[in-house]
Amino acid sequence: MTGQQTILITGAGNGIGRAAVCWFHARGWRVIGLDRDEEALDEVRGELPRDEALLVTCDCGDEAAVHEAFQRVGEWLGDDPLTCLVNNSGIADPYCGPLEELELARWRGWIDASLTAAFLASRAAVPLLRREEGASICNISSTRAVRSEPECFAYAAAKGGLDALTHALAISLGPAIRVNAVRPGWIETGPWQAGDRREEPDHRPQDREQHPAGRIGQPDDIAEAIAYLHAARFVTGQHLNIDGGMTVKMIYEA
């Protein structure tokens, strides 16, 4: 037993997942990251010591791929527990176009990447989480689970389902494993993309002003929320908006 806490984050190659892997590693955690983007994972591998990080290429919406990835995770952990699972994988772009033009295969892509992936990873992780007293799962949902914009049907449905899965898992897995969700709002992930997708933010004053907190969110804001929900031993089955207050502010068109 190493005595270190270990966190597994899906969708770890880019954006919130990539930032969370680095955030937790910087605070002494061993980190495991799963992502289908091999190029992105290679970049992360180059930044973290191999004995403290395991990065595995995996399509988290594919049952066989998740089974194979967790075999590697189990071998890497040995007898050590998994402390926290973060179900973060998903399709980042929420827009799917007009409803009447949305093909079933594309719909299933959003559902599988987020909701199905969370089910598969949670199912695989439970035996490892049960080894740790106080283990937890954090699902990365979205404010779009409860507030919509046009032509985001599949994304909203996937995230709404993830909210429901959160409280269902909390009831079923408690008290041994607590399960909560974070609902990010507008989080700037440009600097946390891989390769030529990386870009620096260019926000207008009105972009910041629509947030009562006075700024757009950063991926570290989500990592801090994950850490809080893991540490908060009397919190389970909850959905925490991390959006700078944007979803509670009334915005009027000029």
Protein backbone atom coordinates (compact mmCIF):
# COMPACT_ATOMS: atom_id res chain seq x y z
CA MET A 1 0.00 0.00 0.00
CA THR A 2 1.44 3.39 -0.99
CA GLY A 3 -0.69 5.49 1.35
CA GLN A 4 -1.27 7.98 -1.46
CA GLN A 5 -4.72 8.90 -2.66
CA THR A 6 -5.46 7.92 -6.26
CA ILE A 7 -7.93 9.60 -8.60
CA LEU A 8 -9.12 8.30 -11.96
CA ILE A 9 -10.39 10.88 -14.45
CA THR A 10 -12.03 10.03 -17.76
CA GLY A 11 -11.70 12.45 -20.65
CA ALA A 12 -8.24 13.30 -19.33
CA GLY A 13 -6.60 14.34 -22.59
CA ASN A 14 -8.07 17.81 -23.01
CA GLY A 15 -9.92 20.57 -21.24
CA ILE A 16 -11.31 20.09 -17.74
CA GLY A 17 -10.05 16.51 -17.50
CA ARG A 18 -6.49 17.40 -18.45
CA ALA A 19 -6.42 20.32 -16.03
CA ALA A 20 -7.85 18.17 -13.22
CA VAL A 21 -5.19 15.49 -13.73
CA CYS A 22 -2.48 18.13 -13.35
CA TRP A 23 -4.23 19.86 -10.43
CA PHE A 24 -4.57 16.70 -8.35
CA HIS A 25 -1.06 15.48 -9.20
CA ALA A 26 0.38 18.81 -8.06
CA ARG A 27 -1.31 18.21 -4.70
CA GLY A 28 0.23 14.80 -4.10
CA TRP A 29 -2.34 12.46 -5.62
CA ARG A 30 -1.49 9.59 -7.93
CA VAL A 31 -3.51 10.10 -11.10
CA ILE A 32 -5.03 7.81 -13.71
CA GLY A 33 -6.39 9.27 -16.92
CA LEU A 34 -8.48 7.64 -19.65
CA ASP A 35 -9.10 9.21 -23.05
CA ARG A 36 -9.56 8.09 -26.65
CA ASP A 37 -7.16 10.84 -27.82
CA GLU A 38 -3.75 9.12 -27.83
CA GLU A 39 -1.91 12.26 -29.00
CA ALA A 40 -3.31 14.28 -26.12
CA LEU A 41 -2.45 11.58 -23.58
CA ASP A 42 1.11 11.48 -24.91
CA GLU A 43 1.46 15.16 -24.07
CA VAL A 44 0.19 14.59 -20.55
CA ARG A 45 2.52 11.59 -20.11
CA GLY A 46 5.45 13.82 -20.88
CA GLU A 47 4.54 16.11 -17.99
CA LEU A 48 4.01 13.55 -15.20
CA PRO A 49 6.27 10.93 -13.55
CA ARG A 50 5.34 7.40 -14.66
CA ASP A 51 5.29 5.98 -11.14
CA GLU A 52 2.64 8.55 -10.15
CA ALA A 53 0.52 8.63 -13.30
CA LEU A 54 -1.10 6.08 -15.58
CA LEU A 55 -2.56 7.35 -18.86
CA VAL A 56 -4.56 4.79 -20.84
CA THR A 57 -6.07 5.17 -24.30
CA CYS A 58 -9.73 4.21 -23.99
CA ASP A 59 -13.05 5.00 -25.64
CA CYS A 60 -15.03 5.25 -22.41
CA GLY A 61 -18.34 4.69 -24.19
CA ASP A 62 -17.21 1.25 -25.41
CA GLU A 63 -17.77 -1.64 -23.00
CA ALA A 64 -14.86 -3.80 -24.19
CA ALA A 65 -12.45 -0.86 -24.16
CA VAL A 66 -13.43 0.10 -20.60
CA HIS A 67 -13.02 -3.50 -19.44
CA GLU A 68 -9.53 -3.67 -20.95
CA ALA A 69 -8.54 -0.28 -19.52
CA PHE A 70 -9.63 -1.23 -16.01
CA GLN A 71 -7.62 -4.43 -16.21
CA ARG A 72 -4.57 -2.21 -16.68
CA VAL A 73 -5.74 0.07 -13.88
CA GLY A 74 -6.11 -2.90 -11.53
CA GLU A 75 -2.64 -4.18 -12.37
CA TRP A 76 -1.15 -0.72 -11.80
CA LEU A 77 -2.90 -0.28 -8.46
CA GLY A 78 -2.05 -3.75 -7.18
CA ASP A 79 -3.64 -3.99 -3.74
CA ASP A 80 -4.06 -0.22 -3.44
CA PRO A 81 -7.52 1.34 -3.53
CA LEU A 82 -8.98 3.86 -5.92
CA THR A 83 -9.91 6.92 -3.90
CA CYS A 84 -12.03 8.90 -6.35
CA LEU A 85 -13.53 8.40 -9.81
CA VAL A 86 -14.32 11.43 -11.96
CA ASN A 87 -16.64 10.73 -14.89
CA ASN A 88 -15.68 13.61 -17.15
CA SER A 89 -15.66 12.13 -20.66
CA GLY A 90 -18.04 13.56 -23.21
CA ILE A 91 -18.39 15.49 -26.46
CA ALA A 92 -17.47 19.07 -25.61
CA ASP A 93 -19.45 20.76 -28.39
CA PRO A 94 -23.10 20.86 -27.28
CA TYR A 95 -24.60 21.97 -30.60
CA CYS A 96 -26.15 19.29 -32.82
CA GLY A 97 -28.16 21.35 -35.30
CA PRO A 98 -31.90 21.27 -36.06
CA LEU A 99 -33.84 18.42 -34.45
CA GLU A 100 -35.27 17.17 -37.72
CA GLU A 101 -31.74 16.77 -39.13
CA LEU A 102 -30.21 15.00 -36.11
CA GLU A 103 -29.32 11.42 -37.03
CA LEU A 104 -29.72 8.66 -34.45
CA ALA A 105 -26.03 7.74 -34.68
CA ARG A 106 -25.00 11.29 -33.79
CA TRP A 107 -27.53 11.36 -30.92
CA ARG A 108 -26.07 8.13 -29.57
CA GLY A 109 -22.60 9.62 -29.84
CA TRP A 110 -23.41 12.27 -27.24
CA ILE A 111 -25.26 9.81 -24.99
CA ASP A 112 -22.52 7.19 -25.11
CA ALA A 113 -19.63 9.61 -24.66
CA SER A 114 -21.06 11.01 -21.42
CA LEU A 115 -23.88 8.96 -19.88
CA THR A 116 -23.01 5.45 -21.04
CA ALA A 117 -19.35 6.12 -20.31
CA ALA A 118 -20.18 7.14 -16.74
CA PHE A 119 -22.17 3.93 -16.22
CA LEU A 120 -19.38 1.75 -17.63
CA ALA A 121 -16.58 3.44 -15.69
CA SER A 122 -18.55 3.47 -12.44
CA ARG A 123 -19.42 -0.21 -12.76
CA ALA A 124 -15.77 -1.08 -13.40
CA ALA A 125 -14.44 1.16 -10.65
CA VAL A 126 -16.72 0.12 -7.78
CA PRO A 127 -14.64 -2.89 -6.65
CA LEU A 128 -11.54 -0.68 -6.49
CA LEU A 129 -13.38 2.13 -4.72
CA ARG A 130 -14.74 -0.24 -2.07
CA ARG A 131 -11.18 -0.80 -0.87
CA GLU A 132 -11.00 2.83 0.34
CA GLU A 133 -12.95 4.20 3.30
CA GLY A 134 -14.52 7.47 2.19
CA ALA A 135 -14.24 6.80 -1.55
CA SER A 136 -16.32 8.93 -3.91
CA ILE A 137 -17.49 9.41 -7.48
CA CYS A 138 -17.90 12.82 -9.09
CA ASN A 139 -19.82 13.12 -12.35
CA ILE A 140 -19.11 16.14 -14.54
CA SER A 141 -22.54 17.25 -15.70
CA SER A 142 -23.39 20.71 -17.04
CA THR A 143 -25.65 23.66 -16.33
CA ARG A 144 -27.28 22.66 -19.62
CA ALA A 145 -28.80 19.74 -17.73
CA VAL A 146 -31.21 22.26 -16.21
CA ARG A 147 -31.05 25.29 -18.56
CA SER A 148 -31.10 24.97 -22.33
CA GLU A 149 -29.97 26.78 -25.44
CA PRO A 150 -31.28 26.02 -28.94
CA GLU A 151 -30.17 22.87 -30.73
CA CYS A 152 -28.42 21.17 -27.79
CA PHE A 153 -30.87 18.27 -27.46
CA ALA A 154 -28.45 15.36 -27.26
CA TYR A 155 -25.94 17.12 -25.02
CA ALA A 156 -28.66 18.29 -22.62
CA ALA A 157 -30.22 14.83 -22.52
CA ALA A 158 -26.86 13.20 -21.80
CA LYS A 159 -26.11 15.62 -18.97
CA GLY A 160 -29.64 15.42 -17.57
CA GLY A 161 -29.30 11.65 -17.52
CA LEU A 162 -25.98 12.02 -15.76
CA ASP A 163 -27.69 14.09 -13.05
CA ALA A 164 -30.25 11.31 -12.56
CA LEU A 165 -27.55 8.65 -12.54
CA THR A 166 -25.77 10.65 -9.83
CA HIS A 167 -28.56 10.46 -7.27
CA ALA A 168 -29.42 6.88 -8.21
CA LEU A 169 -25.81 5.79 -7.64
CA ALA A 170 -25.65 7.74 -4.39
CA ILE A 171 -28.61 5.80 -3.02
CA SER A 172 -27.34 2.45 -4.28
CA LEU A 173 -23.65 2.74 -3.38
CA GLY A 174 -23.93 4.61 -0.08
CA PRO A 175 -22.75 4.77 2.56
CA ALA A 176 -19.52 3.16 1.37
CA ILE A 177 -19.20 5.33 -1.75
CA ARG A 178 -20.58 8.86 -2.02
CA VAL A 179 -21.65 10.13 -5.45
CA ASN A 180 -22.08 13.78 -6.47
CA ALA A 181 -22.06 15.87 -9.64
CA VAL A 182 -20.49 19.13 -10.68
CA ARG A 183 -22.34 21.25 -13.24
CA PRO A 184 -19.81 23.50 -14.97
CA GLY A 185 -21.01 26.65 -16.66
CA TRP A 186 -18.81 28.60 -19.07
CA ILE A 187 -15.32 27.22 -18.43
CA GLU A 188 -12.44 28.45 -20.60
CA THR A 189 -10.53 25.35 -21.69
CA GLY A 190 -8.57 26.76 -24.65
CA PRO A 191 -5.17 26.66 -22.90
CA TRP A 192 -5.82 23.04 -21.86
CA GLN A 193 -6.28 21.56 -25.33
CA ALA A 194 -3.75 19.33 -27.03
CA GLY A 195 -1.45 20.30 -29.88
CA ASP A 196 -2.67 22.82 -32.44
CA ARG A 197 -6.10 23.01 -30.77
CA ARG A 198 -4.58 24.98 -27.89
CA GLU A 199 -5.51 28.65 -27.88
CA GLU A 200 -5.39 31.63 -25.58
CA PRO A 201 -8.70 33.15 -24.42
CA ASP A 202 -10.03 36.32 -26.02
CA HIS A 203 -13.06 37.39 -24.02
CA ARG A 204 -15.16 40.52 -24.42
CA PRO A 205 -16.08 42.66 -21.39
CA GLN A 206 -19.72 41.54 -21.75
CA ASP A 207 -18.63 37.91 -21.52
CA ARG A 208 -17.20 38.57 -18.07
CA GLU A 209 -20.01 40.88 -17.00
CA GLN A 210 -22.70 38.24 -17.42
CA HIS A 211 -21.09 36.36 -14.53
CA PRO A 212 -21.82 37.81 -11.06
CA ALA A 213 -18.39 36.49 -10.03
CA GLY A 214 -16.88 38.91 -12.56
CA ARG A 215 -15.04 36.43 -14.76
CA ILE A 216 -15.33 33.31 -16.90
CA GLY A 217 -14.58 30.00 -15.21
CA GLN A 218 -11.24 28.20 -15.26
CA PRO A 219 -10.72 24.41 -15.22
CA ASP A 220 -9.09 24.72 -11.80
CA ASP A 221 -12.46 25.94 -10.49
CA ILE A 222 -13.88 22.52 -11.40
CA ALA A 223 -10.93 20.66 -9.88
CA GLU A 224 -11.45 22.54 -6.62
CA ALA A 225 -15.14 21.56 -6.65
CA ILE A 226 -14.24 17.89 -7.20
CA ALA A 227 -11.84 18.08 -4.26
CA TYR A 228 -14.50 19.71 -2.06
CA LEU A 229 -17.11 17.07 -2.89
CA HIS A 230 -14.64 14.30 -2.17
CA ALA A 231 -13.70 15.80 1.20
CA ALA A 232 -17.30 16.66 2.22
CA ARG A 233 -18.22 13.41 3.97
CA PHE A 234 -21.84 14.44 4.64
CA VAL A 235 -22.59 15.38 1.02
CA THR A 236 -23.93 12.81 -1.44
CA GLY A 237 -26.45 12.75 -4.27
CA GLN A 238 -25.96 16.46 -4.90
CA HIS A 239 -25.46 18.60 -8.02
CA LEU A 240 -23.19 21.61 -7.58
CA ASN A 241 -23.34 24.46 -10.10
CA ILE A 242 -19.89 25.96 -10.76
CA ASP A 243 -20.81 28.79 -13.09
CA GLY A 244 -19.84 32.11 -11.50
CA GLY A 245 -23.51 32.72 -10.79
CA MET A 246 -24.39 32.96 -14.48
CA THR A 247 -27.43 30.70 -14.34
CA VAL A 248 -29.09 32.73 -11.57
CA LYS A 249 -28.66 36.10 -13.28
CA MET A 250 -31.39 37.52 -15.46
CA ILE A 251 -29.88 38.79 -18.70
CA TYR A 252 -31.91 41.25 -20.77
CA GLU A 253 -31.35 41.88 -24.46
CA ALA A 254 -30.27 45.47 -25.18
